[in-house]
């Protein structure tokens, strides 16, 4: 399964401009290109927090699917975002979501958002997702 094929080409992800960047067995990276409509302050050009949260929620959810090697219906229960600094105006922000543990009903994720260097992050995230299982008819 390739995470690139799971990104919605309509709706919120499309409006934000989220695009596939890279993946491995248990992580997915998405790119959030800078655009003026996403800035919290038009004068400074600094991205608002909402698009970064959406980036990380989407990347983490796709990482759950990547780790399970299938599409998994899920609901975000908790996503803690710790901001380290503002994203640099005009720069694409990369969000890496990693699924590091899956139980019968919960997936545990962590991640980082960065704009130039993964070792100089914009934000760190940690979260949990409930895995929805189909019930027999």
C-alpha atoms as a PDB file:
ATOM      1  CA  UNK A   1       0.000   0.000   0.000  1.00  0.00           C
ATOM      2  CA  UNK A   2       1.256   3.444  -0.831  1.00  0.00           C
ATOM      3  CA  UNK A   3       0.180   6.323   1.412  1.00  0.00           C
ATOM      4  CA  UNK A   4       0.163   8.676  -1.556  1.00  0.00           C
ATOM      5  CA  UNK A   5      -2.981   6.990  -2.831  1.00  0.00           C
ATOM      6  CA  UNK A   6      -4.816   7.527   0.449  1.00  0.00           C
ATOM      7  CA  UNK A   7      -4.623  11.316   0.582  1.00  0.00           C
ATOM      8  CA  UNK A   8      -7.977  12.798  -0.298  1.00  0.00           C
ATOM      9  CA  UNK A   9      -8.062  14.763  -3.520  1.00  0.00           C
ATOM     10  CA  UNK A  10     -11.091  16.658  -2.271  1.00  0.00           C
ATOM     11  CA  UNK A  11     -12.146  18.473   0.847  1.00  0.00           C
ATOM     12  CA  UNK A  12      -9.937  19.683   3.650  1.00  0.00           C
ATOM     13  CA  UNK A  13      -6.692  17.922   2.659  1.00  0.00           C
ATOM     14  CA  UNK A  14      -6.990  19.206  -0.881  1.00  0.00           C
ATOM     15  CA  UNK A  15      -7.740  22.778   0.229  1.00  0.00           C
ATOM     16  CA  UNK A  16      -4.698  22.717   2.522  1.00  0.00           C
ATOM     17  CA  UNK A  17      -2.594  21.382  -0.355  1.00  0.00           C
ATOM     18  CA  UNK A  18      -1.362  18.308   1.549  1.00  0.00           C
ATOM     19  CA  UNK A  19       0.843  16.131  -0.614  1.00  0.00           C
ATOM     20  CA  UNK A  20       2.659  12.841  -0.138  1.00  0.00           C
ATOM     21  CA  UNK A  21       6.364  13.303   0.684  1.00  0.00           C
ATOM     22  CA  UNK A  22       7.809   9.943   1.861  1.00  0.00           C
ATOM     23  CA  UNK A  23       6.980   6.736   3.753  1.00  0.00           C
ATOM     24  CA  UNK A  24       8.448   3.701   5.482  1.00  0.00           C
ATOM     25  CA  UNK A  25       6.940   0.655   7.206  1.00  0.00           C
ATOM     26  CA  UNK A  26       5.566   2.603  10.174  1.00  0.00           C
ATOM     27  CA  UNK A  27       5.770   6.305   9.245  1.00  0.00           C
ATOM     28  CA  UNK A  28       4.443   8.648   6.613  1.00  0.00           C
ATOM     29  CA  UNK A  29       5.565  12.147   5.667  1.00  0.00           C
ATOM     30  CA  UNK A  30       3.222  14.693   4.143  1.00  0.00           C
ATOM     31  CA  UNK A  31       4.061  18.161   2.854  1.00  0.00           C
ATOM     32  CA  UNK A  32       2.060  21.293   3.675  1.00  0.00           C
ATOM     33  CA  UNK A  33       3.070  23.991   1.180  1.00  0.00           C
ATOM     34  CA  UNK A  34       3.025  27.543   2.490  1.00  0.00           C
ATOM     35  CA  UNK A  35       0.247  29.750   1.128  1.00  0.00           C
ATOM     36  CA  UNK A  36      -0.983  33.125   2.293  1.00  0.00           C
ATOM     37  CA  UNK A  37      -4.455  31.801   3.166  1.00  0.00           C
ATOM     38  CA  UNK A  38      -2.895  29.623   5.876  1.00  0.00           C
ATOM     39  CA  UNK A  39      -1.002  32.420   7.618  1.00  0.00           C
ATOM     40  CA  UNK A  40      -2.092  33.436  11.109  1.00  0.00           C
ATOM     41  CA  UNK A  41      -0.823  36.949  10.463  1.00  0.00           C
ATOM     42  CA  UNK A  42      -0.714  38.311   6.921  1.00  0.00           C
ATOM     43  CA  UNK A  43       2.111  40.712   7.726  1.00  0.00           C
ATOM     44  CA  UNK A  44       4.518  38.135   9.189  1.00  0.00           C
ATOM     45  CA  UNK A  45       3.420  35.218   6.998  1.00  0.00           C
ATOM     46  CA  UNK A  46       3.715  32.743   9.896  1.00  0.00           C
ATOM     47  CA  UNK A  47       1.461  29.706   9.420  1.00  0.00           C
ATOM     48  CA  UNK A  48      -1.520  29.348  11.736  1.00  0.00           C
ATOM     49  CA  UNK A  49      -1.536  26.387  14.120  1.00  0.00           C
ATOM     50  CA  UNK A  50      -4.672  24.790  12.615  1.00  0.00           C
ATOM     51  CA  UNK A  51      -3.093  23.719   9.310  1.00  0.00           C
ATOM     52  CA  UNK A  52      -0.126  22.212  11.172  1.00  0.00           C
ATOM     53  CA  UNK A  53      -2.475  20.275  13.473  1.00  0.00           C
ATOM     54  CA  UNK A  54      -4.389  18.999  10.407  1.00  0.00           C
ATOM     55  CA  UNK A  55      -1.116  18.034   8.729  1.00  0.00           C
ATOM     56  CA  UNK A  56      -0.005  16.032  11.751  1.00  0.00           C
ATOM     57  CA  UNK A  57      -3.391  14.391  12.351  1.00  0.00           C
ATOM     58  CA  UNK A  58      -3.501  13.254   8.722  1.00  0.00           C
ATOM     59  CA  UNK A  59       0.122  12.047   8.670  1.00  0.00           C
ATOM     60  CA  UNK A  60      -0.351  10.122  11.929  1.00  0.00           C
ATOM     61  CA  UNK A  61      -3.573   8.522  10.690  1.00  0.00           C
ATOM     62  CA  UNK A  62      -1.895   7.441   7.468  1.00  0.00           C
ATOM     63  CA  UNK A  63       0.989   6.021   9.510  1.00  0.00           C
ATOM     64  CA  UNK A  64      -1.519   3.771  11.292  1.00  0.00           C
ATOM     65  CA  UNK A  65      -2.701   2.515   7.893  1.00  0.00           C
ATOM     66  CA  UNK A  66       0.884   2.086   6.736  1.00  0.00           C
ATOM     67  CA  UNK A  67       1.833   0.051   9.806  1.00  0.00           C
ATOM     68  CA  UNK A  68      -1.264  -2.155   9.388  1.00  0.00           C
ATOM     69  CA  UNK A  69      -0.574  -2.349   5.630  1.00  0.00           C
ATOM     70  CA  UNK A  70      -4.256  -1.689   4.943  1.00  0.00           C
ATOM     71  CA  UNK A  71      -6.833   1.058   5.179  1.00  0.00           C
ATOM     72  CA  UNK A  72      -7.953   1.270   8.785  1.00  0.00           C
ATOM     73  CA  UNK A  73     -11.012   3.245   9.799  1.00  0.00           C
ATOM     74  CA  UNK A  74     -10.056   5.229  12.879  1.00  0.00           C
ATOM     75  CA  UNK A  75     -10.970   8.142  15.073  1.00  0.00           C
ATOM     76  CA  UNK A  76      -8.497  10.531  16.665  1.00  0.00           C
ATOM     77  CA  UNK A  77      -8.997  10.302  20.441  1.00  0.00           C
ATOM     78  CA  UNK A  78      -6.142  12.548  21.482  1.00  0.00           C
ATOM     79  CA  UNK A  79      -3.487  14.511  19.649  1.00  0.00           C
ATOM     80  CA  UNK A  80      -1.168  16.578  21.791  1.00  0.00           C
ATOM     81  CA  UNK A  81       0.820  19.189  19.904  1.00  0.00           C
ATOM     82  CA  UNK A  82       3.836  20.852  21.522  1.00  0.00           C
ATOM     83  CA  UNK A  83       5.033  23.821  19.490  1.00  0.00           C
ATOM     84  CA  UNK A  84       8.768  24.475  19.571  1.00  0.00           C
ATOM     85  CA  UNK A  85       8.806  27.527  17.305  1.00  0.00           C
ATOM     86  CA  UNK A  86       6.941  29.224  14.478  1.00  0.00           C
ATOM     87  CA  UNK A  87       7.235  27.765  11.000  1.00  0.00           C
ATOM     88  CA  UNK A  88       9.383  29.892   8.714  1.00  0.00           C
ATOM     89  CA  UNK A  89       7.244  32.061   6.425  1.00  0.00           C
ATOM     90  CA  UNK A  90       7.239  30.876   2.817  1.00  0.00           C
ATOM     91  CA  UNK A  91       8.520  27.387   3.661  1.00  0.00           C
ATOM     92  CA  UNK A  92       6.813  24.052   3.148  1.00  0.00           C
ATOM     93  CA  UNK A  93       6.235  22.232   6.431  1.00  0.00           C
ATOM     94  CA  UNK A  94       6.847  18.482   6.445  1.00  0.00           C
ATOM     95  CA  UNK A  95       4.870  16.376   8.906  1.00  0.00           C
ATOM     96  CA  UNK A  96       6.136  12.922   9.826  1.00  0.00           C
ATOM     97  CA  UNK A  97       3.643  10.710  11.633  1.00  0.00           C
ATOM     98  CA  UNK A  98       4.835   7.433  13.124  1.00  0.00           C
ATOM     99  CA  UNK A  99       2.694   4.606  14.462  1.00  0.00           C
ATOM    100  CA  UNK A 100       4.806   2.874  17.102  1.00  0.00           C
ATOM    101  CA  UNK A 101       2.278   0.562  18.798  1.00  0.00           C
ATOM    102  CA  UNK A 102      -1.039  -1.040  17.865  1.00  0.00           C
ATOM    103  CA  UNK A 103      -3.295  -2.968  20.223  1.00  0.00           C
ATOM    104  CA  UNK A 104      -6.619  -4.632  19.393  1.00  0.00           C
ATOM    105  CA  UNK A 105      -8.442  -1.289  19.469  1.00  0.00           C
ATOM    106  CA  UNK A 106      -5.920   1.552  19.914  1.00  0.00           C
ATOM    107  CA  UNK A 107      -3.033   2.852  17.807  1.00  0.00           C
ATOM    108  CA  UNK A 108      -0.340   4.997  19.415  1.00  0.00           C
ATOM    109  CA  UNK A 109       1.354   7.658  17.320  1.00  0.00           C
ATOM    110  CA  UNK A 110       4.034  10.298  17.553  1.00  0.00           C
ATOM    111  CA  UNK A 111       5.449  12.725  15.103  1.00  0.00           C
ATOM    112  CA  UNK A 112       7.315  15.842  14.227  1.00  0.00           C
ATOM    113  CA  UNK A 113       6.639  18.829  11.986  1.00  0.00           C
ATOM    114  CA  UNK A 114       9.630  20.636  10.497  1.00  0.00           C
ATOM    115  CA  UNK A 115      10.334  23.103   7.726  1.00  0.00           C
ATOM    116  CA  UNK A 116      14.044  22.741   6.976  1.00  0.00           C
ATOM    117  CA  UNK A 117      15.698  20.321   9.385  1.00  0.00           C
ATOM    118  CA  UNK A 118      13.965  17.501  11.246  1.00  0.00           C
ATOM    119  CA  UNK A 119      16.363  18.200  14.140  1.00  0.00           C
ATOM    120  CA  UNK A 120      14.972  21.760  14.427  1.00  0.00           C
ATOM    121  CA  UNK A 121      11.245  20.960  14.698  1.00  0.00           C
ATOM    122  CA  UNK A 122       8.288  23.294  14.514  1.00  0.00           C
ATOM    123  CA  UNK A 123       6.290  20.887  16.703  1.00  0.00           C
ATOM    124  CA  UNK A 124       6.206  17.446  18.286  1.00  0.00           C
ATOM    125  CA  UNK A 125       2.998  15.434  18.542  1.00  0.00           C
ATOM    126  CA  UNK A 126       1.789  12.385  20.456  1.00  0.00           C
ATOM    127  CA  UNK A 127      -1.605  10.811  20.131  1.00  0.00           C
ATOM    128  CA  UNK A 128      -3.965   7.887  20.188  1.00  0.00           C
ATOM    129  CA  UNK A 129      -6.463   6.665  17.616  1.00  0.00           C
ATOM    130  CA  UNK A 130      -9.367   4.256  18.175  1.00  0.00           C
ATOM    131  CA  UNK A 131      -9.458   1.580  15.508  1.00  0.00           C
ATOM    132  CA  UNK A 132     -12.974   0.954  14.220  1.00  0.00           C
ATOM    133  CA  UNK A 133     -13.703  -2.660  13.426  1.00  0.00           C
ATOM    134  CA  UNK A 134     -16.465  -3.797  11.131  1.00  0.00           C
ATOM    135  CA  UNK A 135     -19.161  -5.808  12.837  1.00  0.00           C
ATOM    136  CA  UNK A 136     -20.580  -8.876  11.114  1.00  0.00           C
ATOM    137  CA  UNK A 137     -23.933  -8.334   9.381  1.00  0.00           C
END
